[in-house]
């Protein structure tokens, strides 16, 4: 089973970039810019079905404690681009070596509403099984979630909420024992839209 059709679909579309002129000044740093971050949307086949790798963040972290997210984090503004940051963070958080990631493409930029990051998601296929190692200070659990579970009827919903004087459409996915929301859910929603179009 191959992710080649997804690679072609991602190559044929243009990811949406954030309209920086419409983003509230409260999100910006002292230079007037947004902080930059990147994540890796790691896909693999397990039991013949496509899955996505997610993590449950440790409960005592300063930001996004206990939330379900992709491996990822801040881009070093001095010496790396968004893809390099996504791969580095995946290595640090779950022990996934960059050489084992087949980069398929990227999805649209997202605003992380709570912390004001400009987030770039990169999609890659990874081997399965894989000897993941959760970073003890950042990752409480590594999750392997079937795309079919995310795509089932009733799993996805949206709500409108206000933050920093702006209205935001907040996405949610409800799993058997978890809820995925915020930027992670928006990225998953876009991914599923591309996947269903194959």
C-alpha atoms as a PDB file:
ATOM      1  CA  UNK A   1       0.000   0.000   0.000  1.00  0.00           C
ATOM      2  CA  UNK A   2       1.440   3.347  -1.020  1.00  0.00           C
ATOM      3  CA  UNK A   3       1.044   6.996  -0.113  1.00  0.00           C
ATOM      4  CA  UNK A   4       1.972   7.983  -3.695  1.00  0.00           C
ATOM      5  CA  UNK A   5      -1.553   9.300  -4.495  1.00  0.00           C
ATOM      6  CA  UNK A   6      -1.404  11.553  -1.435  1.00  0.00           C
ATOM      7  CA  UNK A   7       2.023  12.836  -2.492  1.00  0.00           C
ATOM      8  CA  UNK A   8       0.610  13.699  -5.922  1.00  0.00           C
ATOM      9  CA  UNK A   9      -2.452  15.383  -4.411  1.00  0.00           C
ATOM     10  CA  UNK A  10      -0.340  17.516  -2.087  1.00  0.00           C
ATOM     11  CA  UNK A  11       1.971  18.496  -4.954  1.00  0.00           C
ATOM     12  CA  UNK A  12      -1.003  19.572  -7.061  1.00  0.00           C
ATOM     13  CA  UNK A  13      -2.446  21.984  -4.509  1.00  0.00           C
ATOM     14  CA  UNK A  14      -1.162  25.229  -3.065  1.00  0.00           C
ATOM     15  CA  UNK A  15      -1.224  25.377   0.746  1.00  0.00           C
ATOM     16  CA  UNK A  16      -3.009  28.413   2.149  1.00  0.00           C
ATOM     17  CA  UNK A  17      -0.769  30.917   3.904  1.00  0.00           C
ATOM     18  CA  UNK A  18      -1.937  32.967   6.861  1.00  0.00           C
ATOM     19  CA  UNK A  19      -3.164  36.449   6.004  1.00  0.00           C
ATOM     20  CA  UNK A  20      -0.849  38.251   8.393  1.00  0.00           C
ATOM     21  CA  UNK A  21      -2.596  41.602   7.902  1.00  0.00           C
ATOM     22  CA  UNK A  22      -5.774  40.186   9.461  1.00  0.00           C
ATOM     23  CA  UNK A  23      -4.126  38.745  12.576  1.00  0.00           C
ATOM     24  CA  UNK A  24      -4.591  40.671  15.801  1.00  0.00           C
ATOM     25  CA  UNK A  25      -1.540  42.571  17.170  1.00  0.00           C
ATOM     26  CA  UNK A  26      -1.916  40.653  20.466  1.00  0.00           C
ATOM     27  CA  UNK A  27      -0.448  37.606  18.747  1.00  0.00           C
ATOM     28  CA  UNK A  28       2.704  39.376  17.609  1.00  0.00           C
ATOM     29  CA  UNK A  29       6.040  39.670  19.386  1.00  0.00           C
ATOM     30  CA  UNK A  30       7.913  42.909  20.034  1.00  0.00           C
ATOM     31  CA  UNK A  31       9.119  42.958  16.410  1.00  0.00           C
ATOM     32  CA  UNK A  32       5.535  42.757  15.148  1.00  0.00           C
ATOM     33  CA  UNK A  33       6.028  39.215  13.838  1.00  0.00           C
ATOM     34  CA  UNK A  34       4.441  35.907  14.739  1.00  0.00           C
ATOM     35  CA  UNK A  35       6.495  33.192  16.347  1.00  0.00           C
ATOM     36  CA  UNK A  36       7.086  30.298  13.945  1.00  0.00           C
ATOM     37  CA  UNK A  37       6.547  26.594  14.581  1.00  0.00           C
ATOM     38  CA  UNK A  38       6.273  23.404  12.537  1.00  0.00           C
ATOM     39  CA  UNK A  39       4.862  19.916  13.024  1.00  0.00           C
ATOM     40  CA  UNK A  40       5.259  16.547  11.349  1.00  0.00           C
ATOM     41  CA  UNK A  41       2.087  14.734  10.303  1.00  0.00           C
ATOM     42  CA  UNK A  42       3.532  11.215  10.238  1.00  0.00           C
ATOM     43  CA  UNK A  43       1.464   8.611   8.359  1.00  0.00           C
ATOM     44  CA  UNK A  44       1.923   4.860   8.203  1.00  0.00           C
ATOM     45  CA  UNK A  45       0.031   1.707   7.352  1.00  0.00           C
ATOM     46  CA  UNK A  46      -0.879  -0.610  10.233  1.00  0.00           C
ATOM     47  CA  UNK A  47      -2.926  -3.763   9.657  1.00  0.00           C
ATOM     48  CA  UNK A  48      -3.510  -2.542   6.113  1.00  0.00           C
ATOM     49  CA  UNK A  49      -5.074   0.747   7.250  1.00  0.00           C
ATOM     50  CA  UNK A  50      -3.598   4.268   7.159  1.00  0.00           C
ATOM     51  CA  UNK A  51      -2.835   5.728  10.580  1.00  0.00           C
ATOM     52  CA  UNK A  52      -1.484   9.038  11.867  1.00  0.00           C
ATOM     53  CA  UNK A  53       1.024   9.442  14.691  1.00  0.00           C
ATOM     54  CA  UNK A  54      -0.047  11.762  17.511  1.00  0.00           C
ATOM     55  CA  UNK A  55       1.294  12.465  20.972  1.00  0.00           C
ATOM     56  CA  UNK A  56      -0.270  13.249  24.314  1.00  0.00           C
ATOM     57  CA  UNK A  57       1.738  16.064  25.849  1.00  0.00           C
ATOM     58  CA  UNK A  58       2.829  15.836  29.467  1.00  0.00           C
ATOM     59  CA  UNK A  59       0.383  17.314  31.949  1.00  0.00           C
ATOM     60  CA  UNK A  60       2.938  19.638  33.558  1.00  0.00           C
ATOM     61  CA  UNK A  61       4.085  21.465  30.431  1.00  0.00           C
ATOM     62  CA  UNK A  62       3.778  25.251  30.293  1.00  0.00           C
ATOM     63  CA  UNK A  63       1.861  25.290  26.987  1.00  0.00           C
ATOM     64  CA  UNK A  64      -0.793  22.858  25.700  1.00  0.00           C
ATOM     65  CA  UNK A  65      -0.405  20.591  28.735  1.00  0.00           C
ATOM     66  CA  UNK A  66      -2.108  17.213  28.330  1.00  0.00           C
ATOM     67  CA  UNK A  67      -3.298  17.974  24.818  1.00  0.00           C
ATOM     68  CA  UNK A  68      -3.049  15.684  21.832  1.00  0.00           C
ATOM     69  CA  UNK A  69      -0.783  17.069  19.144  1.00  0.00           C
ATOM     70  CA  UNK A  70       1.647  16.245  16.375  1.00  0.00           C
ATOM     71  CA  UNK A  71       5.365  16.045  17.078  1.00  0.00           C
ATOM     72  CA  UNK A  72       6.664  19.548  16.518  1.00  0.00           C
ATOM     73  CA  UNK A  73       7.672  22.845  17.997  1.00  0.00           C
ATOM     74  CA  UNK A  74       9.384  26.155  17.561  1.00  0.00           C
ATOM     75  CA  UNK A  75      11.490  26.933  14.481  1.00  0.00           C
ATOM     76  CA  UNK A  76      14.973  28.202  15.292  1.00  0.00           C
ATOM     77  CA  UNK A  77      14.965  31.536  13.427  1.00  0.00           C
ATOM     78  CA  UNK A  78      18.756  31.541  13.073  1.00  0.00           C
ATOM     79  CA  UNK A  79      19.484  28.358  11.192  1.00  0.00           C
ATOM     80  CA  UNK A  80      16.538  26.206  10.136  1.00  0.00           C
ATOM     81  CA  UNK A  81      13.452  26.178   7.951  1.00  0.00           C
ATOM     82  CA  UNK A  82      10.053  24.743   8.837  1.00  0.00           C
ATOM     83  CA  UNK A  83      10.740  21.260   7.456  1.00  0.00           C
ATOM     84  CA  UNK A  84      14.035  20.976   9.324  1.00  0.00           C
ATOM     85  CA  UNK A  85      12.279  22.060  12.522  1.00  0.00           C
ATOM     86  CA  UNK A  86       9.472  19.519  12.094  1.00  0.00           C
ATOM     87  CA  UNK A  87      11.972  16.702  11.547  1.00  0.00           C
ATOM     88  CA  UNK A  88      14.192  17.812  14.446  1.00  0.00           C
ATOM     89  CA  UNK A  89      11.257  18.021  16.829  1.00  0.00           C
ATOM     90  CA  UNK A  90      10.003  14.574  15.770  1.00  0.00           C
ATOM     91  CA  UNK A  91      13.436  13.154  16.570  1.00  0.00           C
ATOM     92  CA  UNK A  92      13.495  14.891  19.958  1.00  0.00           C
ATOM     93  CA  UNK A  93       9.917  14.088  20.990  1.00  0.00           C
ATOM     94  CA  UNK A  94       9.386  10.532  19.738  1.00  0.00           C
ATOM     95  CA  UNK A  95      12.787   9.317  18.524  1.00  0.00           C
ATOM     96  CA  UNK A  96      11.844   9.341  14.837  1.00  0.00           C
ATOM     97  CA  UNK A  97      15.014   9.774  12.753  1.00  0.00           C
ATOM     98  CA  UNK A  98      14.729  12.212   9.845  1.00  0.00           C
ATOM     99  CA  UNK A  99      16.229   9.638   7.472  1.00  0.00           C
ATOM    100  CA  UNK A 100      13.211   7.403   8.072  1.00  0.00           C
ATOM    101  CA  UNK A 101      10.689  10.075   6.992  1.00  0.00           C
ATOM    102  CA  UNK A 102       9.597  10.198   3.354  1.00  0.00           C
ATOM    103  CA  UNK A 103       8.322  13.768   3.015  1.00  0.00           C
ATOM    104  CA  UNK A 104       5.080  13.825   0.999  1.00  0.00           C
ATOM    105  CA  UNK A 105       4.304  17.545   1.050  1.00  0.00           C
ATOM    106  CA  UNK A 106       2.852  20.255   3.235  1.00  0.00           C
ATOM    107  CA  UNK A 107      -0.520  21.485   4.371  1.00  0.00           C
ATOM    108  CA  UNK A 108      -1.807  25.005   4.992  1.00  0.00           C
ATOM    109  CA  UNK A 109      -0.408  27.291   7.655  1.00  0.00           C
ATOM    110  CA  UNK A 110      -2.421  27.507  10.850  1.00  0.00           C
ATOM    111  CA  UNK A 111      -2.609  30.064  13.634  1.00  0.00           C
ATOM    112  CA  UNK A 112      -2.212  28.458  17.053  1.00  0.00           C
ATOM    113  CA  UNK A 113      -4.786  30.621  18.793  1.00  0.00           C
ATOM    114  CA  UNK A 114      -3.722  29.972  22.400  1.00  0.00           C
ATOM    115  CA  UNK A 115      -0.011  30.726  21.961  1.00  0.00           C
ATOM    116  CA  UNK A 116       0.070  32.807  18.773  1.00  0.00           C
ATOM    117  CA  UNK A 117       2.336  30.583  16.698  1.00  0.00           C
ATOM    118  CA  UNK A 118       2.314  30.509  12.901  1.00  0.00           C
ATOM    119  CA  UNK A 119       2.313  26.756  12.325  1.00  0.00           C
ATOM    120  CA  UNK A 120       3.532  24.936   9.202  1.00  0.00           C
ATOM    121  CA  UNK A 121       2.473  21.255   8.955  1.00  0.00           C
ATOM    122  CA  UNK A 122       4.592  18.826   6.937  1.00  0.00           C
ATOM    123  CA  UNK A 123       3.252  15.412   5.924  1.00  0.00           C
ATOM    124  CA  UNK A 124       5.497  12.370   5.713  1.00  0.00           C
ATOM    125  CA  UNK A 125       5.218   8.607   5.569  1.00  0.00           C
ATOM    126  CA  UNK A 126       7.153   6.574   8.130  1.00  0.00           C
ATOM    127  CA  UNK A 127       7.912   2.874   8.611  1.00  0.00           C
ATOM    128  CA  UNK A 128       5.740   0.623  10.748  1.00  0.00           C
ATOM    129  CA  UNK A 129       6.476  -0.817  13.211  1.00  0.00           C
ATOM    130  CA  UNK A 130       9.005   1.699  14.520  1.00  0.00           C
ATOM    131  CA  UNK A 131      10.960   1.817  17.817  1.00  0.00           C
ATOM    132  CA  UNK A 132       9.564   5.133  19.051  1.00  0.00           C
ATOM    133  CA  UNK A 133      10.888   6.609  22.297  1.00  0.00           C
ATOM    134  CA  UNK A 134       8.714   9.212  23.994  1.00  0.00           C
ATOM    135  CA  UNK A 135      10.664  12.142  25.451  1.00  0.00           C
ATOM    136  CA  UNK A 136       9.927  11.850  29.196  1.00  0.00           C
ATOM    137  CA  UNK A 137       9.733  15.599  29.741  1.00  0.00           C
ATOM    138  CA  UNK A 138       7.438  16.344  26.804  1.00  0.00           C
ATOM    139  CA  UNK A 139       5.444  13.312  25.681  1.00  0.00           C
ATOM    140  CA  UNK A 140       3.245  11.288  28.008  1.00  0.00           C
ATOM    141  CA  UNK A 141       2.009   8.857  25.346  1.00  0.00           C
ATOM    142  CA  UNK A 142       2.432   8.072  21.650  1.00  0.00           C
ATOM    143  CA  UNK A 143      -0.849   7.431  19.843  1.00  0.00           C
ATOM    144  CA  UNK A 144      -1.474   5.550  16.598  1.00  0.00           C
ATOM    145  CA  UNK A 145      -4.852   6.750  15.309  1.00  0.00           C
ATOM    146  CA  UNK A 146      -6.577   5.231  12.255  1.00  0.00           C
ATOM    147  CA  UNK A 147      -7.677   7.830   9.695  1.00  0.00           C
ATOM    148  CA  UNK A 148     -10.936   5.884   9.465  1.00  0.00           C
ATOM    149  CA  UNK A 149     -11.673   6.683  13.122  1.00  0.00           C
ATOM    150  CA  UNK A 150     -11.197  10.385  12.452  1.00  0.00           C
ATOM    151  CA  UNK A 151     -13.349  10.202   9.295  1.00  0.00           C
ATOM    152  CA  UNK A 152     -16.280   8.321  10.838  1.00  0.00           C
ATOM    153  CA  UNK A 153     -19.641  10.150  10.935  1.00  0.00           C
ATOM    154  CA  UNK A 154     -19.981  12.334  14.015  1.00  0.00           C
ATOM    155  CA  UNK A 155     -16.275  12.350  14.894  1.00  0.00           C
ATOM    156  CA  UNK A 156     -15.751  15.948  13.736  1.00  0.00           C
ATOM    157  CA  UNK A 157     -17.511  19.153  14.769  1.00  0.00           C
ATOM    158  CA  UNK A 158     -16.786  22.880  14.932  1.00  0.00           C
ATOM    159  CA  UNK A 159     -17.612  25.670  17.350  1.00  0.00           C
ATOM    160  CA  UNK A 160     -17.150  29.430  17.058  1.00  0.00           C
ATOM    161  CA  UNK A 161     -15.202  31.035  19.883  1.00  0.00           C
ATOM    162  CA  UNK A 162     -13.737  34.463  20.504  1.00  0.00           C
ATOM    163  CA  UNK A 163     -10.079  35.104  21.339  1.00  0.00           C
ATOM    164  CA  UNK A 164      -8.151  38.389  21.232  1.00  0.00           C
ATOM    165  CA  UNK A 165     -11.196  40.142  19.816  1.00  0.00           C
ATOM    166  CA  UNK A 166     -11.452  37.771  16.853  1.00  0.00           C
ATOM    167  CA  UNK A 167     -13.920  34.995  16.094  1.00  0.00           C
ATOM    168  CA  UNK A 168     -12.292  31.633  15.409  1.00  0.00           C
ATOM    169  CA  UNK A 169     -13.793  28.431  14.036  1.00  0.00           C
ATOM    170  CA  UNK A 170     -12.530  25.749  16.442  1.00  0.00           C
ATOM    171  CA  UNK A 171     -12.370  22.171  15.171  1.00  0.00           C
ATOM    172  CA  UNK A 172     -12.843  19.108  17.371  1.00  0.00           C
ATOM    173  CA  UNK A 173     -12.433  15.378  16.807  1.00  0.00           C
ATOM    174  CA  UNK A 174     -13.917  13.028  19.381  1.00  0.00           C
ATOM    175  CA  UNK A 175     -12.220   9.666  19.755  1.00  0.00           C
ATOM    176  CA  UNK A 176     -13.140   6.823  22.080  1.00  0.00           C
ATOM    177  CA  UNK A 177     -11.359   8.344  25.083  1.00  0.00           C
ATOM    178  CA  UNK A 178      -9.921  11.608  23.812  1.00  0.00           C
ATOM    179  CA  UNK A 179     -10.767  14.920  22.200  1.00  0.00           C
ATOM    180  CA  UNK A 180      -8.464  16.530  19.655  1.00  0.00           C
ATOM    181  CA  UNK A 181      -9.000  20.240  19.117  1.00  0.00           C
ATOM    182  CA  UNK A 182      -7.433  23.489  18.010  1.00  0.00           C
ATOM    183  CA  UNK A 183      -4.668  23.662  15.422  1.00  0.00           C
ATOM    184  CA  UNK A 184      -4.099  19.887  15.533  1.00  0.00           C
ATOM    185  CA  UNK A 185      -7.748  19.280  14.662  1.00  0.00           C
ATOM    186  CA  UNK A 186      -7.648  21.891  11.865  1.00  0.00           C
ATOM    187  CA  UNK A 187      -4.617  20.177  10.329  1.00  0.00           C
ATOM    188  CA  UNK A 188      -6.323  16.780  10.579  1.00  0.00           C
ATOM    189  CA  UNK A 189      -9.478  18.190   8.986  1.00  0.00           C
ATOM    190  CA  UNK A 190      -7.494  19.487   6.017  1.00  0.00           C
ATOM    191  CA  UNK A 191      -5.580  16.196   5.718  1.00  0.00           C
ATOM    192  CA  UNK A 192      -8.801  14.193   5.702  1.00  0.00           C
ATOM    193  CA  UNK A 193     -10.231  16.493   3.018  1.00  0.00           C
ATOM    194  CA  UNK A 194      -7.245  15.761   0.772  1.00  0.00           C
ATOM    195  CA  UNK A 195      -7.394  12.051   1.641  1.00  0.00           C
ATOM    196  CA  UNK A 196     -11.089  11.728   0.828  1.00  0.00           C
ATOM    197  CA  UNK A 197     -10.482  13.390  -2.532  1.00  0.00           C
ATOM    198  CA  UNK A 198      -8.049  10.692  -3.670  1.00  0.00           C
END
